[in-house]
Amino acid sequence: MSNYKQIPSVKLSTTNVTLVDMNRTPTDTRIKETHRGHIVKRIVDKSGLHVVQVSKMMGRSRAQLYIDFANPDMDWTVIAKIGKVIRHDFAQEFPEFNMYASIVQEPSLKYGESADLDRALIELDKWKTIAYENLAKAELWKDKYLDLIERTTKHSKAS
């Protein structure tokens, strides 16, 4: 029997290099993808949401999100935000993600929660009312100012 099967072969791809032992079973010889952006993009596609929807919910442009997907070392904060939007725990794909989870946590607001939306609309109405009241006061002061200028000009012309 020849010894060439004992020497590991090398599989090359554009994203990684993997040594494959020919004596192992096919399940051991899988190429594990390490490109974070591609993994996250695949999960987003499986979520049923379009990239446009995810980008809007994140407050990030669609173009920037595609740039993130092209990054093999995608930022953990972006991954965490995407995970919140699509409601997916990326610790399943990235075991090291838990190590960064405490660093990248945001306030505990849930995206799309109707109570938050209702509170935001109430707050918006409150500030609109205050703005309109201030605008009305400014118009009143402007009228008084113009009236005062008109009276002073008449008084100085009369003198």
Protein backbone atom coordinates (compact mmCIF):
# COMPACT_ATOMS: atom_id res chain seq x y z
CA MET A 1 0.00 0.00 0.00
CA SER A 2 1.37 3.41 -0.90
CA ASN A 3 1.91 6.19 1.63
CA TYR A 4 0.53 9.06 -0.43
CA LYS A 5 -2.83 8.95 1.44
CA GLN A 6 -1.04 9.67 4.70
CA ILE A 7 0.10 13.11 3.49
CA PRO A 8 -2.54 15.83 3.92
CA SER A 9 -3.66 17.55 0.75
CA VAL A 10 -4.28 21.27 0.43
CA LYS A 11 -7.55 22.78 -0.79
CA LEU A 12 -7.38 26.40 -1.91
CA SER A 13 -10.21 28.86 -2.19
CA THR A 14 -10.41 32.63 -2.43
CA THR A 15 -11.22 33.06 1.26
CA ASN A 16 -9.21 30.42 3.08
CA VAL A 17 -6.69 27.59 2.94
CA THR A 18 -7.62 24.30 4.55
CA LEU A 19 -5.57 21.18 5.17
CA VAL A 20 -7.57 18.05 4.54
CA ASP A 21 -6.51 14.66 5.88
CA MET A 22 -7.53 12.02 3.34
CA ASN A 23 -7.88 9.40 6.11
CA ARG A 24 -10.72 11.24 7.84
CA THR A 25 -14.41 10.98 7.14
CA PRO A 26 -16.10 13.46 4.79
CA THR A 27 -17.73 15.29 7.73
CA ASP A 28 -14.28 16.09 9.11
CA THR A 29 -13.10 17.53 5.81
CA ARG A 30 -15.70 20.29 5.47
CA ILE A 31 -14.33 23.74 4.80
CA LYS A 32 -15.42 25.98 7.65
CA GLU A 33 -16.27 29.43 6.37
CA THR A 34 -14.61 32.19 8.39
CA HIS A 35 -15.76 35.20 6.37
CA ARG A 36 -18.01 36.97 8.90
CA GLY A 37 -19.69 39.16 6.28
CA HIS A 38 -20.70 36.21 4.11
CA ILE A 39 -22.02 34.27 7.09
CA VAL A 40 -24.09 37.24 8.30
CA LYS A 41 -25.41 37.90 4.77
CA ARG A 42 -26.48 34.25 4.46
CA ILE A 43 -28.34 34.47 7.80
CA VAL A 44 -30.01 37.75 6.75
CA ASP A 45 -31.15 36.14 3.50
CA LYS A 46 -32.61 33.20 5.44
CA SER A 47 -34.44 35.59 7.82
CA GLY A 48 -36.94 36.58 5.14
CA LEU A 49 -36.13 40.29 5.44
CA HIS A 50 -34.65 42.20 2.53
CA VAL A 51 -31.35 44.02 2.99
CA VAL A 52 -33.19 47.32 2.44
CA GLN A 53 -35.52 46.57 5.35
CA VAL A 54 -32.63 45.54 7.61
CA SER A 55 -30.64 48.66 6.72
CA LYS A 56 -33.63 50.94 7.45
CA MET A 57 -34.30 49.25 10.78
CA MET A 58 -30.62 49.66 11.69
CA GLY A 59 -30.45 53.28 10.56
CA ARG A 60 -27.64 52.38 8.17
CA SER A 61 -27.47 52.82 4.40
CA ARG A 62 -27.97 49.82 2.16
CA ALA A 63 -24.65 50.51 0.43
CA GLN A 64 -22.80 50.53 3.76
CA LEU A 65 -24.46 47.26 4.73
CA TYR A 66 -23.25 45.64 1.50
CA ILE A 67 -19.75 46.95 2.25
CA ASP A 68 -20.04 45.32 5.68
CA PHE A 69 -21.11 42.03 4.08
CA ALA A 70 -17.99 42.14 1.89
CA ASN A 71 -15.75 42.51 4.96
CA PRO A 72 -14.29 39.18 6.16
CA ASP A 73 -13.73 40.75 9.60
CA MET A 74 -17.15 42.37 9.92
CA ASP A 75 -17.42 44.56 13.01
CA TRP A 76 -19.00 42.90 16.05
CA THR A 77 -21.20 45.93 16.76
CA VAL A 78 -22.72 45.71 13.27
CA ILE A 79 -23.26 41.97 13.70
CA ALA A 80 -24.97 42.60 17.05
CA LYS A 81 -27.28 45.25 15.54
CA ILE A 82 -28.19 42.98 12.64
CA GLY A 83 -28.88 40.20 15.12
CA LYS A 84 -31.29 42.43 17.03
CA VAL A 85 -33.07 43.49 13.86
CA ILE A 86 -33.54 39.98 12.46
CA ARG A 87 -33.89 38.46 15.95
CA HIS A 88 -31.00 36.02 15.54
CA ASP A 89 -28.30 35.03 18.03
CA PHE A 90 -25.00 35.05 16.14
CA ALA A 91 -23.29 33.19 18.99
CA GLN A 92 -24.40 30.04 17.17
CA GLU A 93 -22.22 30.92 14.17
CA PHE A 94 -19.49 32.76 16.08
CA PRO A 95 -18.63 31.20 19.46
CA GLU A 96 -16.37 34.17 20.20
CA PHE A 97 -19.35 36.53 19.82
CA ASN A 98 -20.34 36.08 23.49
CA MET A 99 -16.99 37.54 24.46
CA TYR A 100 -17.91 40.78 22.65
CA ALA A 101 -21.61 40.78 23.56
CA SER A 102 -21.14 42.80 26.75
CA ILE A 103 -19.11 45.41 24.88
CA VAL A 104 -21.58 45.95 22.05
CA GLN A 105 -24.84 45.98 24.01
CA GLU A 106 -27.24 48.80 23.32
CA PRO A 107 -30.03 50.02 25.54
CA SER A 108 -32.72 47.41 25.92
CA LEU A 109 -35.11 48.95 23.37
CA LYS A 110 -36.69 46.46 21.04
CA TYR A 111 -36.90 47.34 17.35
CA GLY A 112 -40.42 47.81 16.09
CA GLU A 113 -42.08 47.65 19.51
CA SER A 114 -45.44 49.40 19.25
CA ALA A 115 -45.22 50.87 22.78
CA ASP A 116 -41.99 52.63 21.86
CA LEU A 117 -43.56 53.91 18.66
CA ASP A 118 -46.60 55.20 20.54
CA ARG A 119 -44.37 56.96 23.08
CA ALA A 120 -42.30 58.47 20.27
CA LEU A 121 -45.41 59.79 18.50
CA ILE A 122 -46.71 61.33 21.74
CA GLU A 123 -43.32 62.98 22.30
CA LEU A 124 -43.30 64.23 18.70
CA ASP A 125 -46.76 65.79 19.13
CA LYS A 126 -45.66 67.46 22.37
CA TRP A 127 -42.64 69.07 20.70
CA LYS A 128 -44.69 70.11 17.66
CA THR A 129 -47.15 71.88 19.98
CA ILE A 130 -44.32 73.68 21.77
CA ALA A 131 -42.79 74.70 18.43
CA TYR A 132 -46.11 76.10 17.15
CA GLU A 133 -46.65 78.02 20.41
CA ASN A 134 -43.15 79.52 20.16
CA LEU A 135 -43.75 80.40 16.52
CA ALA A 136 -46.98 82.21 17.48
CA LYS A 137 -45.10 84.13 20.22
CA ALA A 138 -42.36 85.04 17.76
CA GLU A 139 -44.94 86.37 15.29
CA LEU A 140 -46.52 88.45 18.07
CA TRP A 141 -43.14 89.93 19.04
CA LYS A 142 -42.33 90.58 15.37
CA ASP A 143 -45.60 92.49 14.96
CA LYS A 144 -44.88 94.53 18.11
CA TYR A 145 -41.34 95.23 16.85
CA LEU A 146 -42.56 96.39 13.42
CA ASP A 147 -45.24 98.56 15.05
CA LEU A 148 -42.59 100.13 17.31
CA ILE A 149 -40.32 100.84 14.31
CA GLU A 150 -43.22 102.39 12.43
CA ARG A 151 -44.13 104.66 15.38
CA THR A 152 -40.51 105.72 15.91
CA THR A 153 -40.05 106.55 12.24
CA LYS A 154 -43.23 108.64 12.24
CA HIS A 155 -42.11 110.38 15.42
CA SER A 156 -38.65 111.19 14.06
CA LYS A 157 -40.11 112.48 10.75
CA ALA A 158 -42.52 114.73 12.67
CA SER A 159 -39.70 116.29 14.64
